[in-house]
PDB file of N, CA and C in Angstrom:
ATOM      1  N   MET A   1       0.844  -1.163   0.000  1.00  0.00           N
ATOM      2  CA  MET A   1       0.000   0.000   0.000  1.00  0.00           C
ATOM      3  C   MET A   1       0.898   1.238   0.000  1.00  0.00           C
ATOM      4  N   ILE A   2       0.443   2.252  -0.681  1.00  0.00           N
ATOM      5  CA  ILE A   2       1.141   3.538  -0.697  1.00  0.00           C
ATOM      6  C   ILE A   2       0.164   4.602  -0.213  1.00  0.00           C
ATOM      7  N   LEU A   3       0.550   5.321   0.830  1.00  0.00           N
ATOM      8  CA  LEU A   3      -0.267   6.444   1.301  1.00  0.00           C
ATOM      9  C   LEU A   3       0.019   7.614   0.370  1.00  0.00           C
ATOM     10  N   THR A   4      -1.004   8.051  -0.343  1.00  0.00           N
ATOM     11  CA  THR A   4      -0.804   9.106  -1.346  1.00  0.00           C
ATOM     12  C   THR A   4      -0.988  10.501  -0.776  1.00  0.00           C
ATOM     13  N   ASN A   5      -1.786  10.612   0.293  1.00  0.00           N
ATOM     14  CA  ASN A   5      -1.993  11.932   0.894  1.00  0.00           C
ATOM     15  C   ASN A   5      -2.623  11.770   2.269  1.00  0.00           C
ATOM     16  N   CYS A   6      -2.291  12.677   3.153  1.00  0.00           N
ATOM     17  CA  CYS A   6      -2.957  12.811   4.449  1.00  0.00           C
ATOM     18  C   CYS A   6      -3.265  14.286   4.624  1.00  0.00           C
ATOM     19  N   SER A   7      -4.490  14.583   4.993  1.00  0.00           N
ATOM     20  CA  SER A   7      -4.885  15.971   5.218  1.00  0.00           C
ATOM     21  C   SER A   7      -5.733  16.026   6.475  1.00  0.00           C
ATOM     22  N   SER A   8      -6.009  17.236   6.941  1.00  0.00           N
ATOM     23  CA  SER A   8      -6.763  17.372   8.184  1.00  0.00           C
ATOM     24  C   SER A   8      -7.941  18.308   8.008  1.00  0.00           C
ATOM     25  N   SER A   9      -8.798  18.318   9.009  1.00  0.00           N
ATOM     26  CA  SER A   9     -10.010  19.126   8.966  1.00  0.00           C
ATOM     27  C   SER A   9      -9.745  20.604   9.233  1.00  0.00           C
ATOM     28  N   CYS A  10      -8.529  20.949   9.692  1.00  0.00           N
ATOM     29  CA  CYS A  10      -8.206  22.360   9.909  1.00  0.00           C
ATOM     30  C   CYS A  10      -6.696  22.552   9.903  1.00  0.00           C
ATOM     31  N   GLY A  11      -6.253  23.789   9.857  1.00  0.00           N
ATOM     32  CA  GLY A  11      -4.830  24.103   9.791  1.00  0.00           C
ATOM     33  C   GLY A  11      -4.082  23.892  11.098  1.00  0.00           C
ATOM     34  N   CYS A  12      -4.797  23.695  12.199  1.00  0.00           N
ATOM     35  CA  CYS A  12      -4.129  23.503  13.495  1.00  0.00           C
ATOM     36  C   CYS A  12      -3.696  22.057  13.699  1.00  0.00           C
ATOM     37  N   THR A  13      -4.081  21.166  12.785  1.00  0.00           N
ATOM     38  CA  THR A  13      -3.753  19.746  12.875  1.00  0.00           C
ATOM     39  C   THR A  13      -2.943  19.376  11.638  1.00  0.00           C
ATOM     40  N   VAL A  14      -1.697  18.941  11.837  1.00  0.00           N
ATOM     41  CA  VAL A  14      -0.795  18.684  10.708  1.00  0.00           C
ATOM     42  C   VAL A  14      -0.317  17.233  10.734  1.00  0.00           C
ATOM     43  N   PRO A  15      -0.759  16.415   9.748  1.00  0.00           N
ATOM     44  CA  PRO A  15      -0.294  15.032   9.690  1.00  0.00           C
ATOM     45  C   PRO A  15       1.020  14.894   8.922  1.00  0.00           C
ATOM     46  N   GLU A  16       1.798  13.899   9.317  1.00  0.00           N
ATOM     47  CA  GLU A  16       3.040  13.545   8.629  1.00  0.00           C
ATOM     48  C   GLU A  16       2.976  12.039   8.403  1.00  0.00           C
ATOM     49  N   TRP A  17       3.137  11.598   7.155  1.00  0.00           N
ATOM     50  CA  TRP A  17       2.954  10.191   6.835  1.00  0.00           C
ATOM     51  C   TRP A  17       4.146   9.651   6.056  1.00  0.00           C
ATOM     52  N   PRO A  18       4.347   8.322   6.085  1.00  0.00           N
ATOM     53  CA  PRO A  18       5.463   7.726   5.355  1.00  0.00           C
ATOM     54  C   PRO A  18       5.215   7.787   3.847  1.00  0.00           C
ATOM     55  N   LYS A  19       6.239   8.112   3.111  1.00  0.00           N
ATOM     56  CA  LYS A  19       6.108   8.228   1.645  1.00  0.00           C
ATOM     57  C   LYS A  19       6.488   6.927   0.937  1.00  0.00           C
ATOM     58  N   GLU A  20       7.207   6.019   1.631  1.00  0.00           N
ATOM     59  CA  GLU A  20       7.628   4.770   1.009  1.00  0.00           C
ATOM     60  C   GLU A  20       6.488   3.750   1.091  1.00  0.00           C
ATOM     61  N   PRO A  21       6.447   2.787   0.160  1.00  0.00           N
ATOM     62  CA  PRO A  21       5.395   1.768   0.173  1.00  0.00           C
ATOM     63  C   PRO A  21       5.418   0.940   1.465  1.00  0.00           C
ATOM     64  N   ILE A  22       4.253   0.524   1.909  1.00  0.00           N
ATOM     65  CA  ILE A  22       4.119  -0.327   3.088  1.00  0.00           C
ATOM     66  C   ILE A  22       3.869  -1.746   2.567  1.00  0.00           C
ATOM     67  N   PRO A  23       4.771  -2.687   2.842  1.00  0.00           N
ATOM     68  CA  PRO A  23       4.618  -4.042   2.304  1.00  0.00           C
ATOM     69  C   PRO A  23       3.452  -4.788   2.968  1.00  0.00           C
ATOM     70  N   PRO A  24       2.930  -5.836   2.301  1.00  0.00           N
ATOM     71  CA  PRO A  24       1.865  -6.646   2.923  1.00  0.00           C
ATOM     72  C   PRO A  24       2.302  -7.134   4.304  1.00  0.00           C
ATOM     73  N   GLY A  25       1.460  -6.955   5.288  1.00  0.00           N
ATOM     74  CA  GLY A  25       1.780  -7.348   6.661  1.00  0.00           C
ATOM     75  C   GLY A  25       2.660  -6.348   7.383  1.00  0.00           C
ATOM     76  N   GLY A  26       3.069  -5.285   6.682  1.00  0.00           N
ATOM     77  CA  GLY A  26       3.937  -4.280   7.288  1.00  0.00           C
ATOM     78  C   GLY A  26       3.150  -3.271   8.110  1.00  0.00           C
ATOM     79  N   LYS A  27       3.885  -2.436   8.790  1.00  0.00           N
ATOM     80  CA  LYS A  27       3.279  -1.402   9.633  1.00  0.00           C
ATOM     81  C   LYS A  27       3.923  -0.062   9.324  1.00  0.00           C
ATOM     82  N   ALA A  28       3.170   0.997   9.564  1.00  0.00           N
ATOM     83  CA  ALA A  28       3.677   2.356   9.417  1.00  0.00           C
ATOM     84  C   ALA A  28       2.912   3.245  10.388  1.00  0.00           C
ATOM     85  N   ALA A  29       3.462   4.402  10.667  1.00  0.00           N
ATOM     86  CA  ALA A  29       2.815   5.331  11.598  1.00  0.00           C
ATOM     87  C   ALA A  29       2.547   6.657  10.909  1.00  0.00           C
ATOM     88  N   ILE A  30       1.424   7.245  11.245  1.00  0.00           N
ATOM     89  CA  ILE A  30       1.087   8.596  10.814  1.00  0.00           C
ATOM     90  C   ILE A  30       1.196   9.461  12.061  1.00  0.00           C
ATOM     91  N   LYS A  31       2.085  10.451  12.028  1.00  0.00           N
ATOM     92  CA  LYS A  31       2.257  11.350  13.167  1.00  0.00           C
ATOM     93  C   LYS A  31       1.400  12.586  12.928  1.00  0.00           C
ATOM     94  N   VAL A  32       0.747  13.042  13.970  1.00  0.00           N
ATOM     95  CA  VAL A  32      -0.121  14.212  13.867  1.00  0.00           C
ATOM     96  C   VAL A  32       0.262  15.205  14.950  1.00  0.00           C
ATOM     97  N   LYS A  33       0.530  16.436  14.526  1.00  0.00           N
ATOM     98  CA  LYS A  33       0.818  17.507  15.487  1.00  0.00           C
ATOM     99  C   LYS A  33      -0.415  18.407  15.574  1.00  0.00           C
ATOM    100  N   TYR A  34      -0.749  18.768  16.798  1.00  0.00           N
ATOM    101  CA  TYR A  34      -1.875  19.661  17.028  1.00  0.00           C
ATOM    102  C   TYR A  34      -1.374  20.903  17.747  1.00  0.00           C
ATOM    103  N   ASN A  35      -1.755  22.070  17.247  1.00  0.00           N
ATOM    104  CA  ASN A  35      -1.375  23.331  17.875  1.00  0.00           C
ATOM    105  C   ASN A  35      -2.239  23.506  19.119  1.00  0.00           C
ATOM    106  N   THR A  36      -1.624  23.408  20.277  1.00  0.00           N
ATOM    107  CA  THR A  36      -2.373  23.454  21.535  1.00  0.00           C
ATOM    108  C   THR A  36      -2.598  24.878  22.036  1.00  0.00           C
ATOM    109  N   GLY A  37      -2.670  25.824  21.140  1.00  0.00           N
ATOM    110  CA  GLY A  37      -2.880  27.212  21.538  1.00  0.00           C
ATOM    111  C   GLY A  37      -4.255  27.483  22.108  1.00  0.00           C
ATOM    112  N   ARG A  38      -5.179  26.554  21.954  1.00  0.00           N
ATOM    113  CA  ARG A  38      -6.537  26.742  22.459  1.00  0.00           C
ATOM    114  C   ARG A  38      -6.797  25.756  23.594  1.00  0.00           C
ATOM    115  N   ILE A  39      -7.396  26.243  24.650  1.00  0.00           N
ATOM    116  CA  ILE A  39      -7.727  25.424  25.815  1.00  0.00           C
ATOM    117  C   ILE A  39      -9.101  24.788  25.583  1.00  0.00           C
ATOM    118  N   GLY A  40      -9.247  23.535  25.972  1.00  0.00           N
ATOM    119  CA  GLY A  40     -10.552  22.886  25.885  1.00  0.00           C
ATOM    120  C   GLY A  40     -10.523  21.611  25.062  1.00  0.00           C
ATOM    121  N   ALA A  41     -11.714  21.102  24.791  1.00  0.00           N
ATOM    122  CA  ALA A  41     -11.866  19.833  24.074  1.00  0.00           C
ATOM    123  C   ALA A  41     -11.474  19.988  22.607  1.00  0.00           C
ATOM    124  N   ILE A  42     -10.880  18.918  22.056  1.00  0.00           N
ATOM    125  CA  ILE A  42     -10.568  18.897  20.633  1.00  0.00           C
ATOM    126  C   ILE A  42     -11.218  17.666  20.005  1.00  0.00           C
ATOM    127  N   ASN A  43     -11.615  17.804  18.761  1.00  0.00           N
ATOM    128  CA  ASN A  43     -12.198  16.719  17.977  1.00  0.00           C
ATOM    129  C   ASN A  43     -11.825  17.025  16.529  1.00  0.00           C
ATOM    130  N   LYS A  44     -10.754  16.412  16.055  1.00  0.00           N
ATOM    131  CA  LYS A  44     -10.228  16.708  14.719  1.00  0.00           C
ATOM    132  C   LYS A  44     -10.195  15.437  13.870  1.00  0.00           C
ATOM    133  N   GLN A  45     -10.300  15.616  12.561  1.00  0.00           N
ATOM    134  CA  GLN A  45     -10.240  14.499  11.645  1.00  0.00           C
ATOM    135  C   GLN A  45      -8.987  14.593  10.782  1.00  0.00           C
ATOM    136  N   VAL A  46      -8.404  13.418  10.502  1.00  0.00           N
ATOM    137  CA  VAL A  46      -7.293  13.295   9.569  1.00  0.00           C
ATOM    138  C   VAL A  46      -7.756  12.328   8.489  1.00  0.00           C
ATOM    139  N   TYR A  47      -7.645  12.749   7.231  1.00  0.00           N
ATOM    140  CA  TYR A  47      -8.098  11.956   6.102  1.00  0.00           C
ATOM    141  C   TYR A  47      -6.885  11.304   5.446  1.00  0.00           C
ATOM    142  N   VAL A  48      -6.932   9.979   5.284  1.00  0.00           N
ATOM    143  CA  VAL A  48      -5.815   9.225   4.734  1.00  0.00           C
ATOM    144  C   VAL A  48      -6.235   8.630   3.396  1.00  0.00           C
ATOM    145  N   ASP A  49      -5.543   9.029   2.339  1.00  0.00           N
ATOM    146  CA  ASP A  49      -5.789   8.504   0.999  1.00  0.00           C
ATOM    147  C   ASP A  49      -4.641   7.574   0.622  1.00  0.00           C
ATOM    148  N   SER A  50      -4.983   6.491  -0.108  1.00  0.00           N
ATOM    149  CA  SER A  50      -3.953   5.540  -0.521  1.00  0.00           C
ATOM    150  C   SER A  50      -4.242   5.044  -1.938  1.00  0.00           C
ATOM    151  N   ASN A  51      -3.331   4.226  -2.438  1.00  0.00           N
ATOM    152  CA  ASN A  51      -3.497   3.699  -3.786  1.00  0.00           C
ATOM    153  C   ASN A  51      -4.589   2.627  -3.859  1.00  0.00           C
ATOM    154  N   THR A  52      -5.245   2.309  -2.748  1.00  0.00           N
ATOM    155  CA  THR A  52      -6.362   1.366  -2.769  1.00  0.00           C
ATOM    156  C   THR A  52      -7.638   2.042  -3.261  1.00  0.00           C
ATOM    157  N   GLY A  53      -7.632   3.362  -3.323  1.00  0.00           N
ATOM    158  CA  GLY A  53      -8.807   4.107  -3.758  1.00  0.00           C
ATOM    159  C   GLY A  53      -9.769   4.435  -2.635  1.00  0.00           C
ATOM    160  N   ASN A  54      -9.506   3.934  -1.446  1.00  0.00           N
ATOM    161  CA  ASN A  54     -10.375   4.207  -0.295  1.00  0.00           C
ATOM    162  C   ASN A  54      -9.792   5.327   0.555  1.00  0.00           C
ATOM    163  N   ARG A  55     -10.680   6.139   1.102  1.00  0.00           N
ATOM    164  CA  ARG A  55     -10.270   7.177   2.049  1.00  0.00           C
ATOM    165  C   ARG A  55     -10.663   6.721   3.453  1.00  0.00           C
ATOM    166  N   VAL A  56      -9.713   6.790   4.361  1.00  0.00           N
ATOM    167  CA  VAL A  56      -9.954   6.433   5.758  1.00  0.00           C
ATOM    168  C   VAL A  56      -9.933   7.725   6.568  1.00  0.00           C
ATOM    169  N   THR A  57     -10.883   7.867   7.474  1.00  0.00           N
ATOM    170  CA  THR A  57     -10.931   9.030   8.351  1.00  0.00           C
ATOM    171  C   THR A  57     -10.539   8.609   9.758  1.00  0.00           C
ATOM    172  N   LEU A  58      -9.496   9.247  10.274  1.00  0.00           N
ATOM    173  CA  LEU A  58      -9.068   9.039  11.659  1.00  0.00           C
ATOM    174  C   LEU A  58      -9.593  10.204  12.485  1.00  0.00           C
ATOM    175  N   THR A  59     -10.105   9.931  13.668  1.00  0.00           N
ATOM    176  CA  THR A  59     -10.606  10.994  14.541  1.00  0.00           C
ATOM    177  C   THR A  59      -9.715  11.079  15.771  1.00  0.00           C
ATOM    178  N   ILE A  60      -9.289  12.294  16.065  1.00  0.00           N
ATOM    179  CA  ILE A  60      -8.440  12.549  17.225  1.00  0.00           C
ATOM    180  C   ILE A  60      -9.256  13.375  18.211  1.00  0.00           C
ATOM    181  N   THR A  61      -9.392  12.860  19.426  1.00  0.00           N
ATOM    182  CA  THR A  61     -10.114  13.594  20.464  1.00  0.00           C
ATOM    183  C   THR A  61      -9.206  13.749  21.677  1.00  0.00           C
ATOM    184  N   GLY A  62      -9.480  14.769  22.432  1.00  0.00           N
ATOM    185  CA  GLY A  62      -8.695  15.006  23.635  1.00  0.00           C
ATOM    186  C   GLY A  62      -9.139  16.267  24.327  1.00  0.00           C
ATOM    187  N   ASN A  63      -8.378  16.663  25.311  1.00  0.00           N
ATOM    188  CA  ASN A  63      -8.669  17.877  26.051  1.00  0.00           C
ATOM    189  C   ASN A  63      -7.350  18.578  26.359  1.00  0.00           C
ATOM    190  N   VAL A  64      -7.268  19.847  26.024  1.00  0.00           N
ATOM    191  CA  VAL A  64      -6.068  20.642  26.292  1.00  0.00           C
ATOM    192  C   VAL A  64      -6.331  21.439  27.564  1.00  0.00           C
ATOM    193  N   ASN A  65      -5.491  21.203  28.565  1.00  0.00           N
ATOM    194  CA  ASN A  65      -5.616  21.911  29.841  1.00  0.00           C
ATOM    195  C   ASN A  65      -4.720  23.143  29.846  1.00  0.00           C
ATOM    196  N   ALA A  66      -5.095  24.126  30.640  1.00  0.00           N
ATOM    197  CA  ALA A  66      -4.276  25.324  30.818  1.00  0.00           C
ATOM    198  C   ALA A  66      -3.003  24.944  31.564  1.00  0.00           C
ATOM    199  N   LYS A  67      -1.927  25.687  31.317  1.00  0.00           N
ATOM    200  CA  LYS A  67      -0.681  25.459  32.050  1.00  0.00           C
ATOM    201  C   LYS A  67      -0.926  25.719  33.526  1.00  0.00           C
ATOM    202  N   PRO A  68      -0.336  24.886  34.382  1.00  0.00           N
ATOM    203  CA  PRO A  68      -0.493  25.165  35.812  1.00  0.00           C
ATOM    204  C   PRO A  68       0.204  26.477  36.170  1.00  0.00           C
ATOM    205  N   THR A  69      -0.395  27.211  37.076  1.00  0.00           N
ATOM    206  CA  THR A  69       0.211  28.471  37.498  1.00  0.00           C
ATOM    207  C   THR A  69       1.136  28.201  38.669  1.00  0.00           C
ATOM    208  N   GLU A  70       2.168  29.018  38.794  1.00  0.00           N
ATOM    209  CA  GLU A  70       3.113  28.880  39.900  1.00  0.00           C
ATOM    210  C   GLU A  70       2.403  29.305  41.170  1.00  0.00           C
ATOM    211  N   GLN A  71       2.501  28.458  42.179  1.00  0.00           N
ATOM    212  CA  GLN A  71       1.817  28.757  43.429  1.00  0.00           C
ATOM    213  C   GLN A  71       2.724  29.546  44.354  1.00  0.00           C
ATOM    214  N   VAL A  72       2.160  30.572  44.976  1.00  0.00           N
ATOM    215  CA  VAL A  72       2.883  31.395  45.950  1.00  0.00           C
ATOM    216  C   VAL A  72       2.725  30.730  47.305  1.00  0.00           C
ATOM    217  N   PRO A  73       3.822  30.582  48.076  1.00  0.00           N
ATOM    218  CA  PRO A  73       3.718  29.960  49.406  1.00  0.00           C
ATOM    219  C   PRO A  73       2.683  30.678  50.263  1.00  0.00           C
ATOM    220  N   GLU A  74       1.881  29.880  50.955  1.00  0.00           N
ATOM    221  CA  GLU A  74       0.831  30.440  51.788  1.00  0.00           C
ATOM    222  C   GLU A  74       1.439  31.225  52.955  1.00  0.00           C
ATOM    223  N   ASN A  75       0.958  32.418  53.242  1.00  0.00           N
ATOM    224  CA  ASN A  75       1.425  33.299  54.322  1.00  0.00           C
ATOM    225  C   ASN A  75       2.925  33.594  54.208  1.00  0.00           C
ATOM    226  N   ASN A  76       3.470  33.527  53.013  1.00  0.00           N
ATOM    227  CA  ASN A  76       4.898  33.828  52.780  1.00  0.00           C
ATOM    228  C   ASN A  76       5.808  33.000  53.678  1.00  0.00           C
ATOM    229  N   GLN A  77       5.471  31.753  53.963  1.00  0.00           N
ATOM    230  CA  GLN A  77       6.219  30.897  54.874  1.00  0.00           C
ATOM    231  C   GLN A  77       7.647  30.646  54.392  1.00  0.00           C
ATOM    232  N   ASN A  78       7.854  30.563  53.100  1.00  0.00           N
ATOM    233  CA  ASN A  78       9.179  30.221  52.594  1.00  0.00           C
ATOM    234  C   ASN A  78      10.002  31.444  52.191  1.00  0.00           C
ATOM    235  N   ILE A  79       9.534  32.597  52.514  1.00  0.00           N
ATOM    236  CA  ILE A  79      10.265  33.840  52.192  1.00  0.00           C
ATOM    237  C   ILE A  79      11.044  34.267  53.404  1.00  0.00           C
ATOM    238  N   MET A  80      12.325  34.531  53.229  1.00  0.00           N
ATOM    239  CA  MET A  80      13.167  34.926  54.360  1.00  0.00           C
ATOM    240  C   MET A  80      12.797  36.344  54.795  1.00  0.00           C
ATOM    241  N   GLN A  81      12.711  36.523  56.086  1.00  0.00           N
ATOM    242  CA  GLN A  81      12.380  37.822  56.661  1.00  0.00           C
ATOM    243  C   GLN A  81      13.666  38.546  57.033  1.00  0.00           C
ATOM    244  N   PRO A  82      13.756  39.874  56.859  1.00  0.00           N
ATOM    245  CA  PRO A  82      14.960  40.619  57.266  1.00  0.00           C
ATOM    246  C   PRO A  82      15.127  40.569  58.781  1.00  0.00           C
ATOM    247  N   LYS A  83      16.407  40.568  59.225  1.00  0.00           N
ATOM    248  CA  LYS A  83      16.700  40.521  60.663  1.00  0.00           C
ATOM    249  C   LYS A  83      16.849  41.894  61.242  1.00  0.00           C
TER     250      LYS A  83
END
């Protein structure tokens, strides 16, 4: 099988696929990068075309969390006081 093209449902999802033929019984990986600039649930599609004439749709779901904020010590316990 030869993967002829991989595309996505939006510009924030970028697939990368092997260009060499995949032999019978062989394996290959499609890597997908997602721009995590948006917080919240994601539901994206990646469309895989091959020389078989069939299009396969892969669905990627997940949740992007906000970066944890640095916590300030409670009551300034870990801050040295002047003598």
